[in-house]
C-alpha atoms as a PDB file:
ATOM      1  CA  MET A   1       0.000   0.000   0.000  1.00  0.00           C
ATOM      2  CA  ASP A   2       1.400   3.360  -1.020  1.00  0.00           C
ATOM      3  CA  ASN A   3       1.376   5.849   1.867  1.00  0.00           C
ATOM      4  CA  THR A   4       2.622   8.756  -0.228  1.00  0.00           C
ATOM      5  CA  ILE A   5       0.845  12.004   0.518  1.00  0.00           C
ATOM      6  CA  VAL A   6       0.457  14.195  -2.529  1.00  0.00           C
ATOM      7  CA  VAL A   7       0.245  17.871  -1.737  1.00  0.00           C
ATOM      8  CA  PHE A   8      -0.452  20.386  -4.446  1.00  0.00           C
ATOM      9  CA  LYS A   9       0.990  23.798  -3.697  1.00  0.00           C
ATOM     10  CA  PRO A  10      -0.182  27.068  -5.181  1.00  0.00           C
ATOM     11  CA  VAL A  11       2.474  28.594  -7.396  1.00  0.00           C
ATOM     12  CA  GLU A  12       0.656  31.735  -8.527  1.00  0.00           C
ATOM     13  CA  VAL A  13      -2.244  33.883  -7.337  1.00  0.00           C
ATOM     14  CA  LEU A  14      -3.773  36.970  -8.930  1.00  0.00           C
ATOM     15  CA  PRO A  15      -6.657  39.180  -7.782  1.00  0.00           C
ATOM     16  CA  ARG A  16      -9.728  39.435  -9.985  1.00  0.00           C
ATOM     17  CA  ALA A  17     -12.755  41.725  -9.877  1.00  0.00           C
ATOM     18  CA  GLY A  18     -15.640  40.918  -7.573  1.00  0.00           C
ATOM     19  CA  PHE A  19     -13.499  39.419  -4.798  1.00  0.00           C
ATOM     20  CA  ARG A  20     -12.307  36.524  -6.919  1.00  0.00           C
ATOM     21  CA  VAL A  21      -8.787  35.098  -7.106  1.00  0.00           C
ATOM     22  CA  TRP A  22      -7.134  33.237  -9.958  1.00  0.00           C
ATOM     23  CA  LEU A  23      -4.889  30.413  -8.776  1.00  0.00           C
ATOM     24  CA  ARG A  24      -2.432  28.034 -10.401  1.00  0.00           C
ATOM     25  CA  TYR A  25      -1.237  24.954  -8.530  1.00  0.00           C
ATOM     26  CA  SER A  26       1.887  22.822  -8.933  1.00  0.00           C
ATOM     27  CA  ASP A  27      -0.123  20.030 -10.618  1.00  0.00           C
ATOM     28  CA  GLY A  28      -1.269  22.415 -13.384  1.00  0.00           C
ATOM     29  CA  VAL A  29      -4.784  22.987 -12.032  1.00  0.00           C
ATOM     30  CA  GLN A  30      -5.781  26.610 -12.476  1.00  0.00           C
ATOM     31  CA  GLY A  31      -8.872  28.748 -12.328  1.00  0.00           C
ATOM     32  CA  GLU A  32     -10.853  31.290 -10.348  1.00  0.00           C
ATOM     33  CA  VAL A  33     -12.358  30.958  -6.896  1.00  0.00           C
ATOM     34  CA  ASP A  34     -15.150  33.308  -5.845  1.00  0.00           C
ATOM     35  CA  LEU A  35     -14.537  34.720  -2.358  1.00  0.00           C
ATOM     36  CA  SER A  36     -17.298  37.336  -2.474  1.00  0.00           C
ATOM     37  CA  HIS A  37     -19.260  35.476   0.223  1.00  0.00           C
ATOM     38  CA  LEU A  38     -16.453  36.405   2.664  1.00  0.00           C
ATOM     39  CA  ALA A  39     -16.091  40.085   1.732  1.00  0.00           C
ATOM     40  CA  GLY A  40     -17.303  42.393   4.466  1.00  0.00           C
ATOM     41  CA  ARG A  41     -17.608  39.630   7.072  1.00  0.00           C
ATOM     42  CA  GLY A  42     -15.408  39.628  10.177  1.00  0.00           C
ATOM     43  CA  VAL A  43     -11.722  40.070   9.352  1.00  0.00           C
ATOM     44  CA  PHE A  44     -12.598  40.131   5.652  1.00  0.00           C
ATOM     45  CA  LYS A  45     -14.029  43.650   6.091  1.00  0.00           C
ATOM     46  CA  ALA A  46     -10.426  44.699   5.437  1.00  0.00           C
ATOM     47  CA  TRP A  47     -10.889  43.837   1.750  1.00  0.00           C
ATOM     48  CA  HIS A  48     -13.112  46.906   1.385  1.00  0.00           C
ATOM     49  CA  SER A  49     -10.144  49.234   2.028  1.00  0.00           C
ATOM     50  CA  PRO A  50      -8.765  50.580  -1.258  1.00  0.00           C
ATOM     51  CA  GLY A  51      -6.199  48.180  -2.712  1.00  0.00           C
ATOM     52  CA  ALA A  52      -6.447  45.647   0.134  1.00  0.00           C
ATOM     53  CA  PHE A  53      -7.907  42.743  -1.833  1.00  0.00           C
ATOM     54  CA  GLU A  54      -5.506  43.378  -4.714  1.00  0.00           C
ATOM     55  CA  ASN A  55      -2.595  42.854  -2.275  1.00  0.00           C
ATOM     56  CA  VAL A  56      -3.108  39.059  -2.390  1.00  0.00           C
ATOM     57  CA  HIS A  57       0.070  36.971  -2.502  1.00  0.00           C
ATOM     58  CA  LEU A  58       1.420  33.543  -1.583  1.00  0.00           C
ATOM     59  CA  ALA A  59       2.824  33.388   1.943  1.00  0.00           C
ATOM     60  CA  GLU A  60       5.916  31.377   2.854  1.00  0.00           C
ATOM     61  CA  ASP A  61       3.727  28.669   4.402  1.00  0.00           C
ATOM     62  CA  GLY A  62       1.849  28.271   1.097  1.00  0.00           C
ATOM     63  CA  SER A  63      -1.326  30.012   2.181  1.00  0.00           C
ATOM     64  CA  VAL A  64      -3.084  32.642   0.089  1.00  0.00           C
ATOM     65  CA  SER A  65      -2.506  35.823   2.060  1.00  0.00           C
ATOM     66  CA  TRP A  66      -3.340  39.497   2.267  1.00  0.00           C
ATOM     67  CA  GLY A  67      -0.870  40.121   5.111  1.00  0.00           C
ATOM     68  CA  SER A  68      -1.429  40.907   8.785  1.00  0.00           C
ATOM     69  CA  GLY A  69      -2.593  37.359   9.489  1.00  0.00           C
ATOM     70  CA  LEU A  70      -5.394  37.483   6.919  1.00  0.00           C
ATOM     71  CA  ASP A  71      -4.994  34.320   4.883  1.00  0.00           C
ATOM     72  CA  LEU A  72      -6.856  31.331   3.497  1.00  0.00           C
ATOM     73  CA  CYS A  73      -5.851  27.686   3.395  1.00  0.00           C
ATOM     74  CA  ALA A  74      -4.521  26.737  -0.039  1.00  0.00           C
ATOM     75  CA  ASP A  75      -5.866  23.181   0.348  1.00  0.00           C
ATOM     76  CA  SER A  76      -9.383  24.476   0.929  1.00  0.00           C
ATOM     77  CA  LEU A  77      -9.145  26.700  -2.143  1.00  0.00           C
ATOM     78  CA  TYR A  78      -7.869  23.720  -4.179  1.00  0.00           C
ATOM     79  CA  LEU A  79     -10.931  21.709  -3.136  1.00  0.00           C
ATOM     80  CA  GLN A  80     -13.229  24.595  -4.136  1.00  0.00           C
ATOM     81  CA  LEU A  81     -11.458  25.003  -7.465  1.00  0.00           C
ATOM     82  CA  THR A  82     -11.518  21.320  -8.413  1.00  0.00           C
ATOM     83  CA  GLY A  83     -14.761  20.246  -6.750  1.00  0.00           C
ATOM     84  CA  LYS A  84     -12.895  17.303  -5.243  1.00  0.00           C
ATOM     85  CA  SER A  85     -13.480  15.945  -1.763  1.00  0.00           C
ATOM     86  CA  PRO A  86     -10.756  15.845   0.912  1.00  0.00           C
ATOM     87  CA  GLU A  87     -10.630  12.044   0.487  1.00  0.00           C
ATOM     88  CA  ASP A  88      -9.955  12.470  -3.253  1.00  0.00           C
ATOM     89  CA  VAL A  89      -6.998  14.759  -2.627  1.00  0.00           C
ATOM     90  CA  PHE A  90      -5.712  13.152   0.564  1.00  0.00           C
ATOM     91  CA  PRO A  91      -6.262   9.396   0.106  1.00  0.00           C
ATOM     92  CA  ASN A  92      -4.651   8.572   3.458  1.00  0.00           C
ATOM     93  CA  LEU A  93      -7.069  10.807   5.301  1.00  0.00           C
ATOM     94  CA  LYS A  94      -8.629   8.803   8.084  1.00  0.00           C
ATOM     95  CA  THR A  95     -12.115   9.476   9.252  1.00  0.00           C
ATOM     96  CA  SER A  96     -13.344   8.447  12.626  1.00  0.00           C
ATOM     97  CA  GLU A  97     -16.881   7.734  13.607  1.00  0.00           C
ATOM     98  CA  VAL A  98     -18.364   9.877  16.332  1.00  0.00           C
ATOM     99  CA  ASP A  99     -20.916   8.356  18.630  1.00  0.00           C
ATOM    100  CA  ALA A 100     -22.821  11.260  20.083  1.00  0.00           C
END
């Protein structure tokens, strides 16, 4: 059984109009993710400051960032972009049953 974990890293991010970002990942997957549902909510109110959303970049840890601790998980964005499930991307992901 192969226990290799494949992790796709973002290699490029660009801001788009309407609080969307264009992303390209190391496996060649690319496209836009709509983040407009976050704009104006909680810490994402910062995006309404002139030029703030356009300041998007890739942080050293691989997250999609706007600085000052405002960032999004690149894995989550990959799942949104591809429509894949976590189990599709991370085949060794173990789920545990919860008996509530």
